[in-house]
Every structure is written in structure tokens, then in C-alpha cells.
Amino acid sequence: MVARAQNVSDTGLYKICFQGYHANNSEAYLNISQKELLESGNTKLICTSAKEVLEEYLRNHQNIKRNVEDRLVYL
């Protein structure tokens, strides 16, 4: 495996980000135990669901583009 043009080391620590579901099921999906994930002691919950992130973005960024897209034509 390669990250930033360098081979990934078995002994190195890396920052990764994924949804809460995959973190909770890391053994099944990534073959990484919860113990290994929490080994560094520096963990932070960013979000539990990509859907929640998308909903928050859309709620806070309504009407970003104001020009009409010409999808409706009135005769």
C-alpha cells in the first residue's frame, strides 16, 4: 500500500477518516481491530454518517447558485 508516494509501514501511525459505522465494524471491513485503531490514543469523532454531513452542508448553503439553468421553458 502507498500513501503520499511512500510505502505504508507496518509500524507507522497514520491518520485515517471514515464513517462511524465502518469504525465500529473495522475488523470485518478493514481487518483492523478496535484495539489497533485506538492504539495511538488520539481519536476524534468527526461525524457518524455521511448523510448527516450532506444535510448540514445543504442546510447551511442554500441557494448557492442563483442563475437559472434553462431547464424550464415557459411559452
PDB file of N, CA and C in Angstrom:
ATOM      1  N   MET A   1       0.845  -1.163   0.000  1.00  0.00           N
ATOM      2  CA  MET A   1       0.000   0.000   0.000  1.00  0.00           C
ATOM      3  C   MET A   1       0.901   1.239   0.000  1.00  0.00           C
ATOM      4  N   VAL A   2       0.452   2.271  -0.710  1.00  0.00           N
ATOM      5  CA  VAL A   2       1.225   3.506  -0.837  1.00  0.00           C
ATOM      6  C   VAL A   2       0.379   4.687  -0.377  1.00  0.00           C
ATOM      7  N   ALA A   3       0.980   5.581   0.404  1.00  0.00           N
ATOM      8  CA  ALA A   3       0.321   6.805   0.846  1.00  0.00           C
ATOM      9  C   ALA A   3       1.295   7.958   0.650  1.00  0.00           C
ATOM     10  N   ARG A   4       0.857   8.972  -0.099  1.00  0.00           N
ATOM     11  CA  ARG A   4       1.701  10.143  -0.407  1.00  0.00           C
ATOM     12  C   ARG A   4       3.038   9.736  -1.022  1.00  0.00           C
ATOM     13  N   ALA A   5       2.962   8.826  -1.969  1.00  0.00           N
ATOM     14  CA  ALA A   5       4.110   8.356  -2.761  1.00  0.00           C
ATOM     15  C   ALA A   5       5.150   7.620  -1.921  1.00  0.00           C
ATOM     16  N   GLN A   6       4.763   7.124  -0.739  1.00  0.00           N
ATOM     17  CA  GLN A   6       5.677   6.331   0.085  1.00  0.00           C
ATOM     18  C   GLN A   6       4.960   5.067   0.530  1.00  0.00           C
ATOM     19  N   ASN A   7       5.738   3.991   0.650  1.00  0.00           N
ATOM     20  CA  ASN A   7       5.155   2.738   1.117  1.00  0.00           C
ATOM     21  C   ASN A   7       4.675   2.884   2.555  1.00  0.00           C
ATOM     22  N   VAL A   8       3.547   2.273   2.851  1.00  0.00           N
ATOM     23  CA  VAL A   8       2.988   2.298   4.197  1.00  0.00           C
ATOM     24  C   VAL A   8       3.763   1.307   5.052  1.00  0.00           C
ATOM     25  N   SER A   9       4.175   1.758   6.218  1.00  0.00           N
ATOM     26  CA  SER A   9       4.952   0.929   7.138  1.00  0.00           C
ATOM     27  C   SER A   9       4.018   0.200   8.100  1.00  0.00           C
ATOM     28  N   ASP A  10       4.343  -1.046   8.422  1.00  0.00           N
ATOM     29  CA  ASP A  10       3.547  -1.807   9.387  1.00  0.00           C
ATOM     30  C   ASP A  10       3.629  -1.209  10.787  1.00  0.00           C
ATOM     31  N   THR A  11       4.699  -0.504  11.080  1.00  0.00           N
ATOM     32  CA  THR A  11       4.886   0.051  12.419  1.00  0.00           C
ATOM     33  C   THR A  11       4.524   1.531  12.510  1.00  0.00           C
ATOM     34  N   GLY A  12       4.205   2.155  11.395  1.00  0.00           N
ATOM     35  CA  GLY A  12       3.878   3.579  11.385  1.00  0.00           C
ATOM     36  C   GLY A  12       2.459   3.851  11.854  1.00  0.00           C
ATOM     37  N   LEU A  13       2.213   5.082  12.311  1.00  0.00           N
ATOM     38  CA  LEU A  13       0.871   5.535  12.669  1.00  0.00           C
ATOM     39  C   LEU A  13       0.389   6.501  11.602  1.00  0.00           C
ATOM     40  N   TYR A  14      -0.858   6.345  11.166  1.00  0.00           N
ATOM     41  CA  TYR A  14      -1.410   7.162  10.095  1.00  0.00           C
ATOM     42  C   TYR A  14      -2.778   7.698  10.506  1.00  0.00           C
ATOM     43  N   LYS A  15      -3.091   8.880  10.034  1.00  0.00           N
ATOM     44  CA  LYS A  15      -4.421   9.435  10.256  1.00  0.00           C
ATOM     45  C   LYS A  15      -5.345   8.911   9.177  1.00  0.00           C
ATOM     46  N   ILE A  16      -6.486   8.398   9.590  1.00  0.00           N
ATOM     47  CA  ILE A  16      -7.492   7.937   8.639  1.00  0.00           C
ATOM     48  C   ILE A  16      -8.835   8.496   9.063  1.00  0.00           C
ATOM     49  N   CYS A  17      -9.727   8.605   8.118  1.00  0.00           N
ATOM     50  CA  CYS A  17     -11.048   9.149   8.399  1.00  0.00           C
ATOM     51  C   CYS A  17     -12.079   8.293   7.682  1.00  0.00           C
ATOM     52  N   PHE A  18     -13.053   7.818   8.426  1.00  0.00           N
ATOM     53  CA  PHE A  18     -14.163   7.099   7.834  1.00  0.00           C
ATOM     54  C   PHE A  18     -15.369   7.206   8.748  1.00  0.00           C
ATOM     55  N   GLN A  19     -16.499   6.794   8.252  1.00  0.00           N
ATOM     56  CA  GLN A  19     -17.760   6.923   8.986  1.00  0.00           C
ATOM     57  C   GLN A  19     -17.766   6.038  10.229  1.00  0.00           C
ATOM     58  N   GLY A  20     -18.590   6.442  11.195  1.00  0.00           N
ATOM     59  CA  GLY A  20     -18.705   5.704  12.442  1.00  0.00           C
ATOM     60  C   GLY A  20     -19.048   4.237  12.245  1.00  0.00           C
ATOM     61  N   TYR A  21     -19.896   3.952  11.272  1.00  0.00           N
ATOM     62  CA  TYR A  21     -20.281   2.561  11.009  1.00  0.00           C
ATOM     63  C   TYR A  21     -19.062   1.711  10.688  1.00  0.00           C
ATOM     64  N   HIS A  22     -18.196   2.229   9.826  1.00  0.00           N
ATOM     65  CA  HIS A  22     -17.010   1.474   9.428  1.00  0.00           C
ATOM     66  C   HIS A  22     -15.988   1.409  10.558  1.00  0.00           C
ATOM     67  N   ALA A  23     -15.924   2.448  11.383  1.00  0.00           N
ATOM     68  CA  ALA A  23     -15.036   2.406  12.546  1.00  0.00           C
ATOM     69  C   ALA A  23     -15.497   1.321  13.517  1.00  0.00           C
ATOM     70  N   ASN A  24     -16.809   1.233  13.735  1.00  0.00           N
ATOM     71  CA  ASN A  24     -17.347   0.229  14.646  1.00  0.00           C
ATOM     72  C   ASN A  24     -17.220  -1.182  14.101  1.00  0.00           C
ATOM     73  N   ASN A  25     -17.117  -1.316  12.792  1.00  0.00           N
ATOM     74  CA  ASN A  25     -17.011  -2.632  12.155  1.00  0.00           C
ATOM     75  C   ASN A  25     -15.675  -2.784  11.429  1.00  0.00           C
ATOM     76  N   SER A  26     -14.630  -2.164  11.959  1.00  0.00           N
ATOM     77  CA  SER A  26     -13.330  -2.148  11.289  1.00  0.00           C
ATOM     78  C   SER A  26     -12.722  -3.535  11.134  1.00  0.00           C
ATOM     79  N   GLU A  27     -13.016  -4.409  12.065  1.00  0.00           N
ATOM     80  CA  GLU A  27     -12.469  -5.775  11.970  1.00  0.00           C
ATOM     81  C   GLU A  27     -12.990  -6.473  10.722  1.00  0.00           C
ATOM     82  N   ALA A  28     -14.281  -6.360  10.479  1.00  0.00           N
ATOM     83  CA  ALA A  28     -14.896  -7.032   9.329  1.00  0.00           C
ATOM     84  C   ALA A  28     -14.527  -6.367   8.012  1.00  0.00           C
ATOM     85  N   TYR A  29     -14.486  -5.017   7.985  1.00  0.00           N
ATOM     86  CA  TYR A  29     -14.275  -4.302   6.730  1.00  0.00           C
ATOM     87  C   TYR A  29     -12.813  -4.069   6.389  1.00  0.00           C
ATOM     88  N   LEU A  30     -12.001  -3.801   7.390  1.00  0.00           N
ATOM     89  CA  LEU A  30     -10.617  -3.401   7.131  1.00  0.00           C
ATOM     90  C   LEU A  30      -9.575  -4.365   7.688  1.00  0.00           C
ATOM     91  N   ASN A  31     -10.048  -5.395   8.389  1.00  0.00           N
ATOM     92  CA  ASN A  31      -9.147  -6.330   9.052  1.00  0.00           C
ATOM     93  C   ASN A  31      -8.231  -5.604  10.043  1.00  0.00           C
ATOM     94  N   ILE A  32      -8.789  -4.579  10.710  1.00  0.00           N
ATOM     95  CA  ILE A  32      -8.075  -3.814  11.737  1.00  0.00           C
ATOM     96  C   ILE A  32      -8.936  -3.861  12.996  1.00  0.00           C
ATOM     97  N   SER A  33      -8.365  -4.307  14.094  1.00  0.00           N
ATOM     98  CA  SER A  33      -9.141  -4.415  15.329  1.00  0.00           C
ATOM     99  C   SER A  33      -9.376  -3.032  15.945  1.00  0.00           C
ATOM    100  N   GLN A  34     -10.377  -2.947  16.822  1.00  0.00           N
ATOM    101  CA  GLN A  34     -10.643  -1.700  17.548  1.00  0.00           C
ATOM    102  C   GLN A  34      -9.421  -1.309  18.372  1.00  0.00           C
ATOM    103  N   LYS A  35      -8.750  -2.289  18.940  1.00  0.00           N
ATOM    104  CA  LYS A  35      -7.548  -2.020  19.732  1.00  0.00           C
ATOM    105  C   LYS A  35      -6.485  -1.339  18.879  1.00  0.00           C
ATOM    106  N   GLU A  36      -6.282  -1.834  17.653  1.00  0.00           N
ATOM    107  CA  GLU A  36      -5.295  -1.232  16.755  1.00  0.00           C
ATOM    108  C   GLU A  36      -5.700   0.191  16.365  1.00  0.00           C
ATOM    109  N   LEU A  37      -6.999   0.410  16.120  1.00  0.00           N
ATOM    110  CA  LEU A  37      -7.465   1.744  15.751  1.00  0.00           C
ATOM    111  C   LEU A  37      -7.235   2.755  16.866  1.00  0.00           C
ATOM    112  N   LEU A  38      -7.405   2.311  18.101  1.00  0.00           N
ATOM    113  CA  LEU A  38      -7.298   3.219  19.244  1.00  0.00           C
ATOM    114  C   LEU A  38      -5.910   3.224  19.869  1.00  0.00           C
ATOM    115  N   GLU A  39      -4.949   2.555  19.217  1.00  0.00           N
ATOM    116  CA  GLU A  39      -3.609   2.375  19.760  1.00  0.00           C
ATOM    117  C   GLU A  39      -2.889   3.687  20.077  1.00  0.00           C
ATOM    118  N   SER A  40      -3.026   4.681  19.235  1.00  0.00           N
ATOM    119  CA  SER A  40      -2.292   5.943  19.438  1.00  0.00           C
ATOM    120  C   SER A  40      -2.894   6.779  20.556  1.00  0.00           C
ATOM    121  N   GLY A  41      -4.156   6.542  20.869  1.00  0.00           N
ATOM    122  CA  GLY A  41      -4.812   7.313  21.909  1.00  0.00           C
ATOM    123  C   GLY A  41      -5.398   8.620  21.409  1.00  0.00           C
ATOM    124  N   ASN A  42      -5.100   9.030  20.207  1.00  0.00           N
ATOM    125  CA  ASN A  42      -5.609  10.276  19.630  1.00  0.00           C
ATOM    126  C   ASN A  42      -6.743   9.974  18.663  1.00  0.00           C
ATOM    127  N   THR A  43      -7.962   9.944  19.164  1.00  0.00           N
ATOM    128  CA  THR A  43      -9.113   9.707  18.299  1.00  0.00           C
ATOM    129  C   THR A  43     -10.072  10.879  18.405  1.00  0.00           C
ATOM    130  N   LYS A  44     -10.779  11.125  17.317  1.00  0.00           N
ATOM    131  CA  LYS A  44     -11.751  12.216  17.297  1.00  0.00           C
ATOM    132  C   LYS A  44     -12.920  11.798  16.425  1.00  0.00           C
ATOM    133  N   LEU A  45     -14.113  11.939  16.948  1.00  0.00           N
ATOM    134  CA  LEU A  45     -15.312  11.645  16.183  1.00  0.00           C
ATOM    135  C   LEU A  45     -15.686  12.895  15.393  1.00  0.00           C
ATOM    136  N   ILE A  46     -15.640  12.803  14.087  1.00  0.00           N
ATOM    137  CA  ILE A  46     -15.979  13.924  13.215  1.00  0.00           C
ATOM    138  C   ILE A  46     -17.452  13.856  12.834  1.00  0.00           C
ATOM    139  N   CYS A  47     -17.901  12.713  12.387  1.00  0.00           N
ATOM    140  CA  CYS A  47     -19.303  12.504  12.049  1.00  0.00           C
ATOM    141  C   CYS A  47     -19.616  11.024  12.145  1.00  0.00           C
ATOM    142  N   THR A  48     -20.872  10.721  12.303  1.00  0.00           N
ATOM    143  CA  THR A  48     -21.277   9.325  12.349  1.00  0.00           C
ATOM    144  C   THR A  48     -21.896   8.874  11.035  1.00  0.00           C
ATOM    145  N   SER A  49     -22.250   9.828  10.176  1.00  0.00           N
ATOM    146  CA  SER A  49     -22.947   9.488   8.947  1.00  0.00           C
ATOM    147  C   SER A  49     -22.655  10.522   7.867  1.00  0.00           C
ATOM    148  N   ALA A  50     -22.372  10.056   6.664  1.00  0.00           N
ATOM    149  CA  ALA A  50     -22.161  10.973   5.543  1.00  0.00           C
ATOM    150  C   ALA A  50     -23.453  11.713   5.219  1.00  0.00           C
ATOM    151  N   LYS A  51     -24.576  11.073   5.457  1.00  0.00           N
ATOM    152  CA  LYS A  51     -25.876  11.712   5.219  1.00  0.00           C
ATOM    153  C   LYS A  51     -26.035  12.944   6.094  1.00  0.00           C
ATOM    154  N   GLU A  52     -25.627  12.846   7.366  1.00  0.00           N
ATOM    155  CA  GLU A  52     -25.712  13.992   8.275  1.00  0.00           C
ATOM    156  C   GLU A  52     -24.839  15.148   7.805  1.00  0.00           C
ATOM    157  N   VAL A  53     -23.667  14.838   7.304  1.00  0.00           N
ATOM    158  CA  VAL A  53     -22.757  15.871   6.805  1.00  0.00           C
ATOM    159  C   VAL A  53     -23.368  16.567   5.599  1.00  0.00           C
ATOM    160  N   LEU A  54     -23.915  15.796   4.679  1.00  0.00           N
ATOM    161  CA  LEU A  54     -24.542  16.367   3.488  1.00  0.00           C
ATOM    162  C   LEU A  54     -25.745  17.223   3.850  1.00  0.00           C
ATOM    163  N   GLU A  55     -26.583  16.736   4.759  1.00  0.00           N
ATOM    164  CA  GLU A  55     -27.753  17.514   5.183  1.00  0.00           C
ATOM    165  C   GLU A  55     -27.331  18.840   5.822  1.00  0.00           C
ATOM    166  N   GLU A  56     -26.307  18.806   6.659  1.00  0.00           N
ATOM    167  CA  GLU A  56     -25.831  20.027   7.311  1.00  0.00           C
ATOM    168  C   GLU A  56     -25.290  21.015   6.278  1.00  0.00           C
ATOM    169  N   TYR A  57     -24.534  20.516   5.300  1.00  0.00           N
ATOM    170  CA  TYR A  57     -23.991  21.385   4.264  1.00  0.00           C
ATOM    171  C   TYR A  57     -25.119  22.049   3.469  1.00  0.00           C
ATOM    172  N   LEU A  58     -26.084  21.255   3.046  1.00  0.00           N
ATOM    173  CA  LEU A  58     -27.185  21.801   2.250  1.00  0.00           C
ATOM    174  C   LEU A  58     -28.042  22.775   3.055  1.00  0.00           C
ATOM    175  N   ARG A  59     -28.211  22.501   4.333  1.00  0.00           N
ATOM    176  CA  ARG A  59     -28.971  23.397   5.205  1.00  0.00           C
ATOM    177  C   ARG A  59     -28.261  24.752   5.345  1.00  0.00           C
ATOM    178  N   ASN A  60     -26.947  24.738   5.392  1.00  0.00           N
ATOM    179  CA  ASN A  60     -26.172  25.970   5.596  1.00  0.00           C
ATOM    180  C   ASN A  60     -25.742  26.657   4.302  1.00  0.00           C
ATOM    181  N   HIS A  61     -25.967  26.029   3.168  1.00  0.00           N
ATOM    182  CA  HIS A  61     -25.551  26.605   1.888  1.00  0.00           C
ATOM    183  C   HIS A  61     -26.697  26.571   0.874  1.00  0.00           C
ATOM    184  N   GLN A  62     -27.822  27.128   1.257  1.00  0.00           N
ATOM    185  CA  GLN A  62     -28.961  27.151   0.347  1.00  0.00           C
ATOM    186  C   GLN A  62     -28.760  28.226  -0.705  1.00  0.00           C
ATOM    187  N   ASN A  63     -29.263  27.963  -1.888  1.00  0.00           N
ATOM    188  CA  ASN A  63     -29.232  28.932  -2.997  1.00  0.00           C
ATOM    189  C   ASN A  63     -27.836  29.453  -3.290  1.00  0.00           C
ATOM    190  N   ILE A  64     -26.882  28.555  -3.398  1.00  0.00           N
ATOM    191  CA  ILE A  64     -25.508  28.958  -3.695  1.00  0.00           C
ATOM    192  C   ILE A  64     -25.427  29.573  -5.082  1.00  0.00           C
ATOM    193  N   LYS A  65     -26.084  28.951  -6.029  1.00  0.00           N
ATOM    194  CA  LYS A  65     -26.037  29.400  -7.421  1.00  0.00           C
ATOM    195  C   LYS A  65     -27.388  30.014  -7.749  1.00  0.00           C
ATOM    196  N   ARG A  66     -27.393  31.274  -8.128  1.00  0.00           N
ATOM    197  CA  ARG A  66     -28.661  31.974  -8.324  1.00  0.00           C
ATOM    198  C   ARG A  66     -29.133  32.001  -9.775  1.00  0.00           C
ATOM    199  N   ASN A  67     -28.276  31.739 -10.733  1.00  0.00           N
ATOM    200  CA  ASN A  67     -28.711  31.848 -12.115  1.00  0.00           C
ATOM    201  C   ASN A  67     -29.576  30.652 -12.522  1.00  0.00           C
ATOM    202  N   VAL A  68     -30.483  30.880 -13.445  1.00  0.00           N
ATOM    203  CA  VAL A  68     -31.429  29.870 -13.903  1.00  0.00           C
ATOM    204  C   VAL A  68     -30.714  28.942 -14.873  1.00  0.00           C
ATOM    205  N   GLU A  69     -31.032  27.670 -14.796  1.00  0.00           N
ATOM    206  CA  GLU A  69     -30.337  26.674 -15.597  1.00  0.00           C
ATOM    207  C   GLU A  69     -31.021  26.357 -16.917  1.00  0.00           C
ATOM    208  N   ASP A  70     -32.090  27.056 -17.266  1.00  0.00           N
ATOM    209  CA  ASP A  70     -32.814  26.843 -18.524  1.00  0.00           C
ATOM    210  C   ASP A  70     -33.405  25.445 -18.657  1.00  0.00           C
ATOM    211  N   ARG A  71     -33.750  24.841 -17.533  1.00  0.00           N
ATOM    212  CA  ARG A  71     -34.392  23.527 -17.610  1.00  0.00           C
ATOM    213  C   ARG A  71     -35.882  23.652 -17.891  1.00  0.00           C
ATOM    214  N   LEU A  72     -36.472  24.760 -17.459  1.00  0.00           N
ATOM    215  CA  LEU A  72     -37.886  25.006 -17.722  1.00  0.00           C
ATOM    216  C   LEU A  72     -38.018  26.120 -18.739  1.00  0.00           C
ATOM    217  N   VAL A  73     -38.835  25.872 -19.731  1.00  0.00           N
ATOM    218  CA  VAL A  73     -39.056  26.872 -20.765  1.00  0.00           C
ATOM    219  C   VAL A  73     -40.550  27.214 -20.745  1.00  0.00           C
ATOM    220  N   TYR A  74     -40.878  28.474 -20.521  1.00  0.00           N
ATOM    221  CA  TYR A  74     -42.273  28.930 -20.473  1.00  0.00           C
ATOM    222  C   TYR A  74     -42.647  29.496 -21.829  1.00  0.00           C
ATOM    223  N   LEU A  75     -43.753  29.044 -22.392  1.00  0.00           N
ATOM    224  CA  LEU A  75     -44.208  29.520 -23.699  1.00  0.00           C
ATOM    225  C   LEU A  75     -45.377  30.457 -23.557  1.00  0.00           C
TER     226      LEU A  75
END
